Amino acid sequence: MEKYGYMLSGKLIKIEVGGLNINFWFTVQRDGFNFFDAADRPADTIIIATPLALMRMLSNENRSNQLFDGDAEIRGNMDTAQQLNDMFNALDVDWEEHLSRLTGDIIAHQIGSAVRSRRDRCKRSIATFEDDVTNYLQEEKRLLPTRREVETFLSRVDVLRGDVERLEQRLARLATPTNGFS
């Protein structure tokens, strides 16, 4: 956190929570965050996202480019946004624990379970869709080769490559004058 507090020192980030008409600002410090209800200057970076997108950005799942995965709109300084994304990737926050302070353990656990369940269903749906599209393009339309067809093709290319190398060596031996025919 200290590294990002230094890198983001003095940067003002605005979060606009879509659908709820909630805006807040924060700065990153070496030891944490400072949150504000209003700001006296324009934000360096503005992040506009739905509550679900914000939760995904800050979750412990799918650590990569949470901020830039298309679920959020980003305006302003992109370097600041990238540093913020890197900081989110380095965070390990138990959001269910923090939510329990506001709602109680039972409700926080139910919300966390619902979010995890929805995420898992979405992952399964995406995997099923990918499989269905692959099957359609390979088996029904014959636009893409199957894995077996690709493996067979690559194996044949390897055999052909070996044959060509042996033929080149044979031609090189026949072309040299030391073969006794010159």
N, C-alpha and C. Protein backbone atom coordinates (compact mmCIF):
# COMPACT_ATOMS: atom_id res chain seq x y z
N MET A 1 0.83 -1.19 0.00
CA MET A 1 0.00 0.00 0.00
C MET A 1 0.87 1.25 0.00
N GLU A 2 1.98 1.18 0.73
CA GLU A 2 2.86 2.34 0.83
C GLU A 2 3.40 2.75 -0.54
N LYS A 3 3.76 1.75 -1.36
CA LYS A 3 4.27 2.01 -2.71
C LYS A 3 3.25 2.81 -3.52
N TYR A 4 1.99 2.40 -3.47
CA TYR A 4 0.96 3.07 -4.27
C TYR A 4 0.59 4.41 -3.67
N GLY A 5 0.67 4.51 -2.35
CA GLY A 5 0.43 5.80 -1.71
C GLY A 5 1.42 6.83 -2.19
N TYR A 6 2.66 6.40 -2.38
CA TYR A 6 3.69 7.30 -2.90
C TYR A 6 3.42 7.63 -4.36
N MET A 7 3.10 6.60 -5.16
CA MET A 7 2.88 6.81 -6.59
C MET A 7 1.64 7.66 -6.86
N LEU A 8 0.61 7.48 -6.05
CA LEU A 8 -0.65 8.18 -6.28
C LEU A 8 -0.82 9.40 -5.37
N SER A 9 0.22 9.75 -4.66
CA SER A 9 0.15 10.87 -3.73
C SER A 9 -0.31 12.15 -4.44
N GLY A 10 -1.32 12.78 -3.88
CA GLY A 10 -1.83 14.03 -4.43
C GLY A 10 -2.85 13.85 -5.54
N LYS A 11 -3.05 12.62 -6.00
CA LYS A 11 -4.01 12.36 -7.07
C LYS A 11 -5.41 12.22 -6.46
N LEU A 12 -6.37 12.89 -7.09
CA LEU A 12 -7.76 12.83 -6.64
C LEU A 12 -8.53 11.95 -7.61
N ILE A 13 -9.17 10.92 -7.07
CA ILE A 13 -9.94 9.99 -7.88
C ILE A 13 -11.41 10.13 -7.50
N LYS A 14 -12.25 10.24 -8.52
CA LYS A 14 -13.69 10.34 -8.31
C LYS A 14 -14.33 9.03 -8.75
N ILE A 15 -15.24 8.52 -7.94
CA ILE A 15 -16.01 7.33 -8.27
C ILE A 15 -17.46 7.76 -8.45
N GLU A 16 -18.03 7.44 -9.60
CA GLU A 16 -19.45 7.67 -9.85
C GLU A 16 -20.11 6.30 -9.92
N VAL A 17 -21.00 6.03 -8.96
CA VAL A 17 -21.67 4.75 -8.91
C VAL A 17 -22.93 4.84 -9.77
N GLY A 18 -22.87 4.20 -10.93
CA GLY A 18 -23.96 4.26 -11.88
C GLY A 18 -25.23 3.63 -11.35
N GLY A 19 -26.35 4.25 -11.65
CA GLY A 19 -27.64 3.73 -11.24
C GLY A 19 -28.07 4.14 -9.85
N LEU A 20 -27.15 4.60 -9.04
CA LEU A 20 -27.48 4.99 -7.67
C LEU A 20 -27.29 6.48 -7.42
N ASN A 21 -26.75 7.18 -8.41
CA ASN A 21 -26.49 8.62 -8.28
C ASN A 21 -25.65 8.92 -7.03
N ILE A 22 -24.62 8.11 -6.83
CA ILE A 22 -23.70 8.30 -5.70
C ILE A 22 -22.33 8.64 -6.27
N ASN A 23 -21.75 9.71 -5.76
CA ASN A 23 -20.40 10.12 -6.14
C ASN A 23 -19.57 10.29 -4.88
N PHE A 24 -18.33 9.85 -4.95
CA PHE A 24 -17.40 10.15 -3.86
C PHE A 24 -16.00 10.25 -4.43
N TRP A 25 -15.15 10.89 -3.69
CA TRP A 25 -13.77 11.14 -4.10
C TRP A 25 -12.86 10.53 -3.07
N PHE A 26 -11.64 10.18 -3.51
CA PHE A 26 -10.65 9.71 -2.54
C PHE A 26 -9.26 10.00 -3.04
N THR A 27 -8.35 10.04 -2.09
CA THR A 27 -6.93 10.10 -2.38
C THR A 27 -6.29 8.89 -1.70
N VAL A 28 -5.15 8.49 -2.24
CA VAL A 28 -4.42 7.36 -1.67
C VAL A 28 -3.26 7.92 -0.87
N GLN A 29 -3.15 7.45 0.36
CA GLN A 29 -2.05 7.84 1.23
C GLN A 29 -1.17 6.61 1.45
N ARG A 30 -0.02 6.81 2.05
CA ARG A 30 0.88 5.69 2.31
C ARG A 30 0.24 4.61 3.19
N ASP A 31 -0.63 5.02 4.09
CA ASP A 31 -1.22 4.07 5.04
C ASP A 31 -2.71 3.83 4.82
N GLY A 32 -3.27 4.29 3.71
CA GLY A 32 -4.69 4.04 3.47
C GLY A 32 -5.29 5.05 2.51
N PHE A 33 -6.59 5.24 2.66
CA PHE A 33 -7.34 6.12 1.78
C PHE A 33 -7.96 7.25 2.58
N ASN A 34 -8.14 8.40 1.94
CA ASN A 34 -8.94 9.49 2.48
C ASN A 34 -10.13 9.68 1.56
N PHE A 35 -11.34 9.53 2.11
CA PHE A 35 -12.56 9.65 1.33
C PHE A 35 -13.22 10.99 1.58
N PHE A 36 -13.87 11.52 0.52
CA PHE A 36 -14.53 12.82 0.60
C PHE A 36 -15.91 12.73 -0.07
N ASP A 37 -16.85 13.51 0.45
CA ASP A 37 -18.18 13.60 -0.17
C ASP A 37 -18.18 14.60 -1.32
N ALA A 38 -17.24 15.52 -1.31
CA ALA A 38 -17.13 16.53 -2.36
C ALA A 38 -15.66 16.91 -2.50
N ALA A 39 -15.33 17.53 -3.62
CA ALA A 39 -13.94 17.93 -3.84
C ALA A 39 -13.90 19.38 -4.29
N ASP A 40 -12.83 20.05 -3.93
CA ASP A 40 -12.68 21.46 -4.28
C ASP A 40 -11.89 21.66 -5.57
N ARG A 41 -11.53 20.56 -6.22
CA ARG A 41 -10.80 20.64 -7.49
C ARG A 41 -11.23 19.47 -8.36
N PRO A 42 -10.99 19.57 -9.66
CA PRO A 42 -11.36 18.46 -10.55
C PRO A 42 -10.54 17.21 -10.24
N ALA A 43 -11.16 16.07 -10.42
CA ALA A 43 -10.49 14.79 -10.18
C ALA A 43 -9.46 14.54 -11.28
N ASP A 44 -8.36 13.90 -10.90
CA ASP A 44 -7.36 13.49 -11.89
C ASP A 44 -7.91 12.36 -12.76
N THR A 45 -8.64 11.45 -12.13
CA THR A 45 -9.22 10.30 -12.83
C THR A 45 -10.63 10.10 -12.31
N ILE A 46 -11.55 9.80 -13.22
CA ILE A 46 -12.94 9.52 -12.87
C ILE A 46 -13.26 8.10 -13.31
N ILE A 47 -13.84 7.33 -12.40
CA ILE A 47 -14.24 5.97 -12.70
C ILE A 47 -15.76 5.91 -12.54
N ILE A 48 -16.43 5.51 -13.61
CA ILE A 48 -17.88 5.40 -13.60
C ILE A 48 -18.22 3.93 -13.75
N ALA A 49 -18.90 3.37 -12.75
CA ALA A 49 -19.19 1.93 -12.78
C ALA A 49 -20.43 1.63 -11.95
N THR A 50 -21.06 0.50 -12.25
CA THR A 50 -22.19 0.03 -11.47
C THR A 50 -21.67 -0.54 -10.15
N PRO A 51 -22.54 -0.72 -9.16
CA PRO A 51 -22.08 -1.32 -7.90
C PRO A 51 -21.46 -2.71 -8.12
N LEU A 52 -22.07 -3.52 -8.99
CA LEU A 52 -21.53 -4.85 -9.25
C LEU A 52 -20.15 -4.78 -9.89
N ALA A 53 -19.97 -3.86 -10.82
CA ALA A 53 -18.65 -3.70 -11.46
C ALA A 53 -17.61 -3.25 -10.44
N LEU A 54 -18.00 -2.36 -9.53
CA LEU A 54 -17.06 -1.93 -8.48
C LEU A 54 -16.68 -3.08 -7.58
N MET A 55 -17.67 -3.92 -7.24
CA MET A 55 -17.37 -5.07 -6.39
C MET A 55 -16.42 -6.03 -7.10
N ARG A 56 -16.63 -6.23 -8.41
CA ARG A 56 -15.74 -7.12 -9.17
C ARG A 56 -14.33 -6.54 -9.21
N MET A 57 -14.22 -5.22 -9.37
CA MET A 57 -12.90 -4.59 -9.44
C MET A 57 -12.12 -4.82 -8.16
N LEU A 58 -12.82 -4.80 -7.05
CA LEU A 58 -12.16 -4.88 -5.76
C LEU A 58 -12.13 -6.29 -5.20
N SER A 59 -12.68 -7.26 -5.94
CA SER A 59 -12.72 -8.63 -5.44
C SER A 59 -11.34 -9.27 -5.55
N ASN A 60 -11.21 -10.39 -4.90
CA ASN A 60 -9.95 -11.12 -4.94
C ASN A 60 -9.86 -12.02 -6.16
N GLU A 61 -10.90 -12.05 -6.98
CA GLU A 61 -10.94 -12.91 -8.16
C GLU A 61 -10.41 -12.17 -9.38
N ASN A 62 -9.92 -12.95 -10.35
CA ASN A 62 -9.57 -12.41 -11.67
C ASN A 62 -8.63 -11.22 -11.60
N ARG A 63 -7.51 -11.41 -10.97
CA ARG A 63 -6.53 -10.33 -10.83
C ARG A 63 -5.83 -10.07 -12.15
N SER A 64 -6.16 -9.01 -12.81
CA SER A 64 -5.44 -8.61 -14.02
C SER A 64 -5.73 -7.15 -14.28
N ASN A 65 -6.66 -6.89 -15.15
CA ASN A 65 -7.00 -5.51 -15.48
C ASN A 65 -8.44 -5.22 -15.10
N GLN A 66 -8.75 -5.37 -13.82
CA GLN A 66 -10.12 -5.18 -13.37
C GLN A 66 -10.67 -3.83 -13.78
N LEU A 67 -9.86 -2.81 -13.71
CA LEU A 67 -10.31 -1.46 -14.00
C LEU A 67 -10.55 -1.27 -15.48
N PHE A 68 -9.86 -2.03 -16.30
CA PHE A 68 -9.93 -1.82 -17.75
C PHE A 68 -10.65 -2.96 -18.47
N ASP A 69 -11.46 -3.73 -17.75
CA ASP A 69 -12.09 -4.89 -18.39
C ASP A 69 -13.38 -4.55 -19.12
N GLY A 70 -13.74 -3.30 -19.22
CA GLY A 70 -14.91 -2.91 -19.99
C GLY A 70 -16.14 -2.64 -19.16
N ASP A 71 -16.13 -3.01 -17.89
CA ASP A 71 -17.29 -2.78 -17.04
C ASP A 71 -17.32 -1.38 -16.45
N ALA A 72 -16.24 -0.66 -16.57
CA ALA A 72 -16.16 0.69 -16.02
C ALA A 72 -15.74 1.66 -17.12
N GLU A 73 -16.23 2.87 -17.00
CA GLU A 73 -15.78 3.94 -17.90
C GLU A 73 -14.75 4.76 -17.15
N ILE A 74 -13.65 5.04 -17.81
CA ILE A 74 -12.56 5.78 -17.16
C ILE A 74 -12.31 7.05 -17.95
N ARG A 75 -12.22 8.14 -17.22
CA ARG A 75 -11.93 9.43 -17.84
C ARG A 75 -10.77 10.07 -17.09
N GLY A 76 -10.05 10.90 -17.80
CA GLY A 76 -8.96 11.64 -17.16
C GLY A 76 -7.62 10.99 -17.38
N ASN A 77 -6.77 11.09 -16.37
CA ASN A 77 -5.39 10.63 -16.45
C ASN A 77 -5.32 9.10 -16.43
N MET A 78 -4.92 8.52 -17.55
CA MET A 78 -4.86 7.06 -17.66
C MET A 78 -3.68 6.47 -16.88
N ASP A 79 -2.60 7.24 -16.70
CA ASP A 79 -1.48 6.75 -15.88
C ASP A 79 -1.95 6.54 -14.44
N THR A 80 -2.72 7.50 -13.94
CA THR A 80 -3.26 7.36 -12.59
C THR A 80 -4.19 6.16 -12.52
N ALA A 81 -5.02 5.98 -13.55
CA ALA A 81 -5.93 4.83 -13.57
C ALA A 81 -5.15 3.53 -13.58
N GLN A 82 -4.06 3.45 -14.35
CA GLN A 82 -3.26 2.23 -14.41
C GLN A 82 -2.60 1.95 -13.06
N GLN A 83 -2.10 2.98 -12.40
CA GLN A 83 -1.50 2.79 -11.07
C GLN A 83 -2.56 2.34 -10.07
N LEU A 84 -3.76 2.89 -10.19
CA LEU A 84 -4.86 2.48 -9.33
C LEU A 84 -5.22 1.02 -9.59
N ASN A 85 -5.26 0.62 -10.86
CA ASN A 85 -5.52 -0.77 -11.21
C ASN A 85 -4.46 -1.69 -10.61
N ASP A 86 -3.20 -1.29 -10.70
CA ASP A 86 -2.11 -2.08 -10.13
C ASP A 86 -2.28 -2.21 -8.61
N MET A 87 -2.72 -1.12 -7.99
CA MET A 87 -2.94 -1.14 -6.54
C MET A 87 -4.08 -2.10 -6.20
N PHE A 88 -5.19 -2.04 -6.97
CA PHE A 88 -6.31 -2.96 -6.73
C PHE A 88 -5.85 -4.41 -6.86
N ASN A 89 -4.97 -4.67 -7.85
CA ASN A 89 -4.47 -6.03 -8.04
C ASN A 89 -3.66 -6.49 -6.83
N ALA A 90 -2.99 -5.57 -6.15
CA ALA A 90 -2.15 -5.93 -5.01
C ALA A 90 -2.94 -6.03 -3.71
N LEU A 91 -4.16 -5.49 -3.69
CA LEU A 91 -4.97 -5.52 -2.47
C LEU A 91 -5.49 -6.92 -2.19
N ASP A 92 -5.59 -7.26 -0.94
CA ASP A 92 -6.21 -8.51 -0.52
C ASP A 92 -7.20 -8.16 0.58
N VAL A 93 -8.42 -7.81 0.17
CA VAL A 93 -9.41 -7.29 1.09
C VAL A 93 -10.54 -8.31 1.25
N ASP A 94 -10.96 -8.53 2.47
CA ASP A 94 -12.12 -9.38 2.76
C ASP A 94 -13.34 -8.46 2.82
N TRP A 95 -13.98 -8.28 1.65
CA TRP A 95 -15.10 -7.35 1.56
C TRP A 95 -16.30 -7.82 2.36
N GLU A 96 -16.45 -9.11 2.50
CA GLU A 96 -17.56 -9.63 3.29
C GLU A 96 -17.42 -9.21 4.75
N GLU A 97 -16.20 -9.21 5.25
CA GLU A 97 -15.95 -8.78 6.63
C GLU A 97 -16.31 -7.30 6.82
N HIS A 98 -15.89 -6.46 5.85
CA HIS A 98 -16.20 -5.03 5.94
C HIS A 98 -17.70 -4.80 5.82
N LEU A 99 -18.36 -5.53 4.95
CA LEU A 99 -19.79 -5.38 4.77
C LEU A 99 -20.54 -5.82 6.03
N SER A 100 -19.98 -6.80 6.74
CA SER A 100 -20.65 -7.29 7.95
C SER A 100 -20.72 -6.23 9.04
N ARG A 101 -19.81 -5.29 9.02
CA ARG A 101 -19.85 -4.20 10.01
C ARG A 101 -21.05 -3.28 9.77
N LEU A 102 -21.48 -3.22 8.51
CA LEU A 102 -22.64 -2.39 8.17
C LEU A 102 -23.96 -3.14 8.26
N THR A 103 -23.93 -4.42 7.87
CA THR A 103 -25.18 -5.17 7.74
C THR A 103 -25.33 -6.30 8.74
N GLY A 104 -24.25 -6.67 9.39
CA GLY A 104 -24.27 -7.85 10.25
C GLY A 104 -23.72 -9.05 9.50
N ASP A 105 -23.28 -10.06 10.26
CA ASP A 105 -22.62 -11.22 9.66
C ASP A 105 -23.52 -12.01 8.72
N ILE A 106 -24.75 -12.23 9.12
CA ILE A 106 -25.63 -13.09 8.32
C ILE A 106 -25.93 -12.47 6.97
N ILE A 107 -26.31 -11.20 6.95
CA ILE A 107 -26.64 -10.53 5.70
C ILE A 107 -25.39 -10.41 4.82
N ALA A 108 -24.26 -10.05 5.40
CA ALA A 108 -23.02 -9.93 4.63
C ALA A 108 -22.66 -11.27 4.00
N HIS A 109 -22.81 -12.36 4.77
CA HIS A 109 -22.51 -13.69 4.23
C HIS A 109 -23.47 -14.04 3.09
N GLN A 110 -24.76 -13.72 3.26
CA GLN A 110 -25.74 -14.00 2.21
C GLN A 110 -25.42 -13.21 0.94
N ILE A 111 -25.05 -11.94 1.09
CA ILE A 111 -24.69 -11.12 -0.07
C ILE A 111 -23.44 -11.69 -0.73
N GLY A 112 -22.43 -12.03 0.07
CA GLY A 112 -21.20 -12.61 -0.47
C GLY A 112 -21.47 -13.92 -1.19
N SER A 113 -22.32 -14.76 -0.60
CA SER A 113 -22.67 -16.03 -1.25
C SER A 113 -23.41 -15.79 -2.55
N ALA A 114 -24.32 -14.83 -2.56
CA ALA A 114 -25.07 -14.51 -3.79
C ALA A 114 -24.13 -14.00 -4.88
N VAL A 115 -23.20 -13.14 -4.52
CA VAL A 115 -22.25 -12.61 -5.50
C VAL A 115 -21.38 -13.74 -6.05
N ARG A 116 -20.87 -14.60 -5.17
CA ARG A 116 -20.04 -15.73 -5.62
C ARG A 116 -20.84 -16.70 -6.49
N SER A 117 -22.08 -16.96 -6.10
CA SER A 117 -22.93 -17.86 -6.87
C SER A 117 -23.21 -17.29 -8.25
N ARG A 118 -23.52 -16.02 -8.31
CA ARG A 118 -23.76 -15.38 -9.62
C ARG A 118 -22.51 -15.41 -10.48
N ARG A 119 -21.36 -15.11 -9.86
CA ARG A 119 -20.10 -15.14 -10.60
C ARG A 119 -19.84 -16.54 -11.15
N ASP A 120 -20.08 -17.57 -10.34
CA ASP A 120 -19.84 -18.94 -10.77
C ASP A 120 -20.80 -19.33 -11.91
N ARG A 121 -22.07 -18.92 -11.80
CA ARG A 121 -23.02 -19.20 -12.87
C ARG A 121 -22.61 -18.51 -14.16
N CYS A 122 -22.14 -17.28 -14.05
CA CYS A 122 -21.69 -16.55 -15.24
C CYS A 122 -20.49 -17.25 -15.88
N LYS A 123 -19.55 -17.70 -15.06
CA LYS A 123 -18.38 -18.41 -15.59
C LYS A 123 -18.81 -19.69 -16.31
N ARG A 124 -19.76 -20.43 -15.69
CA ARG A 124 -20.23 -21.66 -16.33
C ARG A 124 -20.97 -21.35 -17.63
N SER A 125 -21.77 -20.30 -17.63
CA SER A 125 -22.50 -19.93 -18.84
C SER A 125 -21.55 -19.54 -19.96
N ILE A 126 -20.52 -18.80 -19.62
CA ILE A 126 -19.54 -18.39 -20.63
C ILE A 126 -18.80 -19.61 -21.17
N ALA A 127 -18.42 -20.53 -20.29
CA ALA A 127 -17.71 -21.74 -20.73
C ALA A 127 -18.62 -22.58 -21.64
N THR A 128 -19.89 -22.70 -21.28
CA THR A 128 -20.83 -23.45 -22.10
C THR A 128 -21.01 -22.79 -23.46
N PHE A 129 -21.14 -21.47 -23.46
CA PHE A 129 -21.28 -20.73 -24.71
C PHE A 129 -20.05 -20.93 -25.60
N GLU A 130 -18.85 -20.83 -25.01
CA GLU A 130 -17.63 -21.04 -25.78
C GLU A 130 -17.59 -22.44 -26.39
N ASP A 131 -17.97 -23.44 -25.59
CA ASP A 131 -18.00 -24.82 -26.09
C ASP A 131 -19.00 -24.98 -27.23
N ASP A 132 -20.19 -24.39 -27.05
CA ASP A 132 -21.23 -24.48 -28.08
C ASP A 132 -20.79 -23.82 -29.39
N VAL A 133 -20.17 -22.64 -29.28
CA VAL A 133 -19.71 -21.93 -30.48
C VAL A 133 -18.60 -22.73 -31.16
N THR A 134 -17.68 -23.24 -30.38
CA THR A 134 -16.59 -24.05 -30.93
C THR A 134 -17.15 -25.27 -31.64
N ASN A 135 -18.07 -25.97 -31.00
CA ASN A 135 -18.68 -27.15 -31.60
C ASN A 135 -19.42 -26.79 -32.88
N TYR A 136 -20.15 -25.72 -32.88
CA TYR A 136 -20.89 -25.28 -34.07
C TYR A 136 -19.93 -24.98 -35.22
N LEU A 137 -18.88 -24.20 -34.93
CA LEU A 137 -17.94 -23.81 -35.99
C LEU A 137 -17.10 -24.98 -36.49
N GLN A 138 -16.83 -25.96 -35.61
CA GLN A 138 -16.02 -27.10 -36.02
C GLN A 138 -16.85 -28.22 -36.64
N GLU A 139 -17.93 -28.58 -36.01
CA GLU A 139 -18.69 -29.75 -36.44
C GLU A 139 -19.81 -29.43 -37.42
N GLU A 140 -20.54 -28.37 -37.17
CA GLU A 140 -21.69 -28.05 -38.03
C GLU A 140 -21.28 -27.31 -39.29
N LYS A 141 -20.52 -26.25 -39.14
CA LYS A 141 -20.14 -25.40 -40.27
C LYS A 141 -18.82 -25.81 -40.91
N ARG A 142 -18.01 -26.58 -40.17
CA ARG A 142 -16.69 -27.00 -40.66
C ARG A 142 -15.81 -25.81 -41.05
N LEU A 143 -15.93 -24.72 -40.29
CA LEU A 143 -15.12 -23.53 -40.55
C LEU A 143 -13.79 -23.57 -39.80
N LEU A 144 -13.75 -24.32 -38.70
CA LEU A 144 -12.53 -24.45 -37.91
C LEU A 144 -12.17 -25.93 -37.78
N PRO A 145 -10.89 -26.24 -37.78
CA PRO A 145 -10.50 -27.64 -37.60
C PRO A 145 -10.64 -28.06 -36.14
N THR A 146 -10.83 -29.35 -35.93
CA THR A 146 -10.87 -29.87 -34.57
C THR A 146 -9.43 -29.98 -34.06
N ARG A 147 -9.29 -30.20 -32.78
CA ARG A 147 -7.96 -30.36 -32.20
C ARG A 147 -7.24 -31.55 -32.85
N ARG A 148 -7.94 -32.63 -33.08
CA ARG A 148 -7.34 -33.82 -33.69
C ARG A 148 -6.86 -33.51 -35.11
N GLU A 149 -7.65 -32.75 -35.88
CA GLU A 149 -7.24 -32.39 -37.23
C GLU A 149 -5.99 -31.51 -37.22
N VAL A 150 -5.92 -30.60 -36.28
CA VAL A 150 -4.74 -29.73 -36.17
C VAL A 150 -3.52 -30.57 -35.80
N GLU A 151 -3.68 -31.47 -34.83
CA GLU A 151 -2.56 -32.33 -34.43
C GLU A 151 -2.08 -33.20 -35.59
N THR A 152 -3.01 -33.76 -36.36
CA THR A 152 -2.65 -34.58 -37.52
C THR A 152 -1.89 -33.73 -38.55
N PHE A 153 -2.39 -32.54 -38.82
CA PHE A 153 -1.74 -31.65 -39.77
C PHE A 153 -0.33 -31.31 -39.32
N LEU A 154 -0.17 -30.93 -38.05
CA LEU A 154 1.16 -30.57 -37.54
C LEU A 154 2.12 -31.76 -37.59
N SER A 155 1.61 -32.95 -37.32
CA SER A 155 2.44 -34.15 -37.40
C SER A 155 2.92 -34.37 -38.83
N ARG A 156 2.02 -34.18 -39.79
CA ARG A 156 2.40 -34.35 -41.20
C ARG A 156 3.40 -33.28 -41.64
N VAL A 157 3.24 -32.07 -41.12
CA VAL A 157 4.20 -31.00 -41.43
C VAL A 157 5.58 -31.38 -40.90
N ASP A 158 5.64 -31.94 -39.70
CA ASP A 158 6.92 -32.37 -39.13
C ASP A 158 7.57 -33.45 -39.99
N VAL A 159 6.79 -34.42 -40.45
CA VAL A 159 7.33 -35.47 -41.32
C VAL A 159 7.84 -34.86 -42.61
N LEU A 160 7.06 -33.98 -43.21
CA LEU A 160 7.47 -33.33 -44.46
C LEU A 160 8.74 -32.51 -44.26
N ARG A 161 8.84 -31.80 -43.14
CA ARG A 161 10.03 -31.01 -42.85
C ARG A 161 11.26 -31.92 -42.78
N GLY A 162 11.13 -33.05 -42.11
CA GLY A 162 12.25 -34.00 -42.03
C GLY A 162 12.63 -34.54 -43.40
N ASP A 163 11.62 -34.84 -44.23
CA ASP A 163 11.89 -35.33 -45.59
C ASP A 163 12.63 -34.27 -46.40
N VAL A 164 12.21 -33.04 -46.31
CA VAL A 164 12.85 -31.94 -47.06
C VAL A 164 14.29 -31.76 -46.60
N GLU A 165 14.53 -31.82 -45.28
CA GLU A 165 15.91 -31.67 -44.78
C GLU A 165 16.80 -32.79 -45.30
N ARG A 166 16.28 -34.04 -45.31
CA ARG A 166 17.08 -35.16 -45.83
C ARG A 166 17.35 -35.00 -47.32
N LEU A 167 16.35 -34.54 -48.08
CA LEU A 167 16.53 -34.31 -49.51
C LEU A 167 17.56 -33.21 -49.76
N GLU A 168 17.53 -32.13 -48.97
CA GLU A 168 18.52 -31.05 -49.12
C GLU A 168 19.92 -31.59 -48.86
N GLN A 169 20.07 -32.44 -47.83
CA GLN A 169 21.39 -33.01 -47.54
C GLN A 169 21.87 -33.91 -48.68
N ARG A 170 20.96 -34.72 -49.23
CA ARG A 170 21.33 -35.59 -50.34
C ARG A 170 21.75 -34.77 -51.57
N LEU A 171 20.98 -33.71 -51.89
CA LEU A 171 21.32 -32.85 -53.02
C LEU A 171 22.66 -32.14 -52.80
N ALA A 172 22.92 -31.73 -51.56
CA ALA A 172 24.18 -31.06 -51.25
C ALA A 172 25.34 -32.04 -51.45
N ARG A 173 25.17 -33.32 -51.07
CA ARG A 173 26.23 -34.32 -51.27
C ARG A 173 26.46 -34.58 -52.76
N LEU A 174 25.39 -34.65 -53.53
CA LEU A 174 25.52 -34.89 -54.97
C LEU A 174 26.14 -33.71 -55.69
N ALA A 175 25.95 -32.50 -55.19
CA ALA A 175 26.49 -31.31 -55.84
C ALA A 175 27.96 -31.06 -55.50
N THR A 176 28.51 -31.72 -54.51
CA THR A 176 29.92 -31.48 -54.17
C THR A 176 30.80 -32.30 -55.11
N PRO A 177 31.96 -31.72 -55.54
CA PRO A 177 32.85 -32.40 -56.52
C PRO A 177 33.60 -33.58 -55.92
N THR A 178 33.55 -33.81 -54.63
CA THR A 178 34.33 -34.89 -54.02
C THR A 178 33.62 -36.22 -54.07
N ASN A 179 32.56 -36.34 -54.79
CA ASN A 179 31.81 -37.58 -54.79
C ASN A 179 32.35 -38.62 -55.78
N GLY A 180 33.40 -38.30 -56.50
CA GLY A 180 34.03 -39.23 -57.40
C GLY A 180 33.53 -39.17 -58.83
N PHE A 181 32.59 -38.33 -59.12
CA PHE A 181 32.05 -38.22 -60.49
C PHE A 181 32.63 -37.04 -61.25
N SER A 182 33.46 -36.24 -60.71
CA SER A 182 33.96 -35.08 -61.44
C SER A 182 35.21 -35.35 -62.21
